[in-house]
Every structure is written in structure tokens, then in C-alpha cells.
C-alpha atoms as a PDB file:
ATOM      1  CA  MET A   1     -13.221   1.679  15.039  1.00  0.00           C
ATOM      2  CA  LYS A   2     -14.083   3.093  11.622  1.00  0.00           C
ATOM      3  CA  ASN A   3     -10.407   3.612  10.806  1.00  0.00           C
ATOM      4  CA  THR A   4      -9.509   0.072  11.900  1.00  0.00           C
ATOM      5  CA  LEU A   5     -12.237  -1.351   9.674  1.00  0.00           C
ATOM      6  CA  ALA A   6     -10.944   0.681   6.713  1.00  0.00           C
ATOM      7  CA  LEU A   7      -7.425  -0.628   7.349  1.00  0.00           C
ATOM      8  CA  PHE A   8      -8.560  -4.247   7.344  1.00  0.00           C
ATOM      9  CA  LYS A   9     -10.787  -3.746   4.297  1.00  0.00           C
ATOM     10  CA  SER A  10      -7.869  -2.230   2.410  1.00  0.00           C
ATOM     11  CA  LEU A  11      -5.797  -5.360   3.087  1.00  0.00           C
ATOM     12  CA  SER A  12      -8.594  -7.794   2.272  1.00  0.00           C
ATOM     13  CA  ASP A  13      -7.461  -7.945  -1.352  1.00  0.00           C
ATOM     14  CA  GLN A  14      -4.444 -10.102  -2.216  1.00  0.00           C
ATOM     15  CA  ASN A  15      -2.976  -7.523  -4.602  1.00  0.00           C
ATOM     16  CA  ARG A  16      -3.146  -4.721  -2.049  1.00  0.00           C
ATOM     17  CA  LEU A  17      -1.594  -6.970   0.570  1.00  0.00           C
ATOM     18  CA  ARG A  18       1.221  -7.790  -1.874  1.00  0.00           C
ATOM     19  CA  VAL A  19       1.816  -4.066  -2.472  1.00  0.00           C
ATOM     20  CA  VAL A  20       2.052  -3.392   1.268  1.00  0.00           C
ATOM     21  CA  ALA A  21       4.451  -6.321   1.675  1.00  0.00           C
ATOM     22  CA  ALA A  22       6.595  -4.980  -1.190  1.00  0.00           C
ATOM     23  CA  LEU A  23       6.600  -1.510   0.348  1.00  0.00           C
ATOM     24  CA  LEU A  24       7.858  -3.019   3.589  1.00  0.00           C
ATOM     25  CA  SER A  25      10.947  -4.146   1.650  1.00  0.00           C
ATOM     26  CA  PHE A  26      11.422  -0.994  -0.431  1.00  0.00           C
ATOM     27  CA  SER A  27      11.150   2.547   0.824  1.00  0.00           C
ATOM     28  CA  GLU A  28       9.253   3.635  -2.277  1.00  0.00           C
ATOM     29  CA  LEU A  29       7.821   2.131  -5.471  1.00  0.00           C
ATOM     30  CA  CYS A  30       6.552   3.876  -8.576  1.00  0.00           C
ATOM     31  CA  ALA A  31       3.213   2.945 -10.114  1.00  0.00           C
ATOM     32  CA  CYS A  32       5.002   1.256 -13.023  1.00  0.00           C
ATOM     33  CA  GLN A  33       6.876  -1.052 -10.625  1.00  0.00           C
ATOM     34  CA  ILE A  34       3.648  -1.976  -8.858  1.00  0.00           C
ATOM     35  CA  LYS A  35       2.034  -2.631 -12.235  1.00  0.00           C
ATOM     36  CA  GLU A  36       4.850  -5.035 -13.127  1.00  0.00           C
ATOM     37  CA  LEU A  37       4.792  -6.695  -9.717  1.00  0.00           C
ATOM     38  CA  LEU A  38       1.071  -7.404  -9.832  1.00  0.00           C
ATOM     39  CA  GLN A  39       0.782  -7.917 -13.603  1.00  0.00           C
ATOM     40  CA  ILE A  40      -2.297  -5.678 -13.801  1.00  0.00           C
ATOM     41  CA  THR A  41      -3.278  -2.543 -15.730  1.00  0.00           C
ATOM     42  CA  GLY A  42      -2.305   0.950 -14.666  1.00  0.00           C
ATOM     43  CA  ALA A  43      -5.947   1.831 -13.990  1.00  0.00           C
ATOM     44  CA  THR A  44      -6.280  -1.110 -11.620  1.00  0.00           C
ATOM     45  CA  VAL A  45      -3.073  -0.070  -9.833  1.00  0.00           C
ATOM     46  CA  SER A  46      -4.557   3.401  -9.387  1.00  0.00           C
ATOM     47  CA  ARG A  47      -7.747   1.998  -7.837  1.00  0.00           C
ATOM     48  CA  HIS A  48      -5.829  -0.259  -5.457  1.00  0.00           C
ATOM     49  CA  MET A  49      -3.496   2.526  -4.408  1.00  0.00           C
ATOM     50  CA  ALA A  50      -6.381   4.968  -3.892  1.00  0.00           C
ATOM     51  CA  LEU A  51      -7.940   2.513  -1.423  1.00  0.00           C
ATOM     52  CA  LEU A  52      -4.647   2.139   0.446  1.00  0.00           C
ATOM     53  CA  ILE A  53      -4.262   5.926   0.589  1.00  0.00           C
ATOM     54  CA  GLN A  54      -7.849   6.385   1.852  1.00  0.00           C
ATOM     55  CA  ALA A  55      -7.197   3.790   4.565  1.00  0.00           C
ATOM     56  CA  GLY A  56      -4.135   5.751   5.688  1.00  0.00           C
ATOM     57  CA  LEU A  57      -1.605   3.028   4.890  1.00  0.00           C
ATOM     58  CA  VAL A  58       0.151   4.678   1.963  1.00  0.00           C
ATOM     59  CA  ASP A  59       1.262   8.151   0.900  1.00  0.00           C
ATOM     60  CA  SER A  60       2.041   9.228  -2.642  1.00  0.00           C
ATOM     61  CA  ARG A  61       4.079  11.883  -4.348  1.00  0.00           C
ATOM     62  CA  LYS A  62       4.274  12.913  -7.971  1.00  0.00           C
ATOM     63  CA  ASP A  63       7.535  13.596  -9.762  1.00  0.00           C
ATOM     64  CA  GLY A  64       6.859  14.674 -13.337  1.00  0.00           C
ATOM     65  CA  LYS A  65       4.909  11.861 -14.994  1.00  0.00           C
ATOM     66  CA  TRP A  66       5.728   9.366 -12.265  1.00  0.00           C
ATOM     67  CA  VAL A  67       3.737   8.648  -9.105  1.00  0.00           C
ATOM     68  CA  TYR A  68       5.642   7.129  -6.195  1.00  0.00           C
ATOM     69  CA  TYR A  69       4.109   5.348  -3.209  1.00  0.00           C
ATOM     70  CA  ARG A  70       5.471   4.707   0.277  1.00  0.00           C
ATOM     71  CA  LEU A  71       4.072   3.413   3.540  1.00  0.00           C
ATOM     72  CA  ARG A  72       2.687   6.011   5.927  1.00  0.00           C
ATOM     73  CA  ASN A  73       4.234   5.773   9.372  1.00  0.00           C
ATOM     74  CA  GLY A  74       3.438   7.505  12.610  1.00  0.00           C
ATOM     75  CA  GLN A  75      -0.092   6.285  13.317  1.00  0.00           C
ATOM     76  CA  PRO A  76      -0.166   3.631  16.059  1.00  0.00           C
ATOM     77  CA  GLU A  77      -2.827   1.466  14.402  1.00  0.00           C
ATOM     78  CA  VAL A  78      -1.044   1.618  11.044  1.00  0.00           C
ATOM     79  CA  ASN A  79       2.306   0.732  12.622  1.00  0.00           C
ATOM     80  CA  ALA A  80       0.756  -2.216  14.483  1.00  0.00           C
ATOM     81  CA  LEU A  81      -0.875  -3.516  11.318  1.00  0.00           C
ATOM     82  CA  LEU A  82       2.333  -3.153   9.316  1.00  0.00           C
ATOM     83  CA  GLN A  83       4.233  -5.100  11.989  1.00  0.00           C
ATOM     84  CA  TRP A  84       1.635  -7.866  11.723  1.00  0.00           C
ATOM     85  CA  VAL A  85       1.969  -7.978   7.916  1.00  0.00           C
ATOM     86  CA  GLU A  86       5.767  -8.025   8.194  1.00  0.00           C
ATOM     87  CA  GLN A  87       5.680 -10.926  10.652  1.00  0.00           C
ATOM     88  CA  ASP A  88       3.385 -12.869   8.342  1.00  0.00           C
ATOM     89  CA  GLU A  89       5.923 -12.381   5.532  1.00  0.00           C
ATOM     90  CA  ASN A  90       8.663 -14.114   7.551  1.00  0.00           C
END
């Protein structure tokens, strides 16, 4: 139940929901692309992405100066929530 609550809290912000929707369309996005998409500062992107990572929705990897984000798959509750978000997009 705690994990489900964290998942829903992480998507309760419009910007984080937009990031998840974008990641459904692209396999991976760098922080700079998310910054441009949302029109927010890099620090704000970092805070949003940290919440999504803590909720178990997103994974990250660093390549030099760049940080890349992708959706985390494999957890049943995460997969179900991502399917719901994807259906809402259509």
C-alpha cells in the first residue's frame, strides 16, 4: 500500500505526469530534454526526477555530464500504472 501511495503521489504533479507520458513515447530522455519540454530550471527537473525515481517509476544513468532517464519496467504495479497513463494519453 505504501508503494502504491508513493506512485500516485509522484504522478500528482502535472510536470511529473508529462515526463512520464513523454517517456512512454521515447525510450530515454536526458535532463536537458526534460528541461526544454517542461520549460523549467535544471534544479526543478532534478527534484521532479528524484521523486519519480524514489517512487520506482523511473531509472537514471549518467554518461559523462549527461543524465538520462527511462521508465522502470518489471514491477506489476508500475506496469499497471503506466498502462493507465498511456490510455489516458490516447
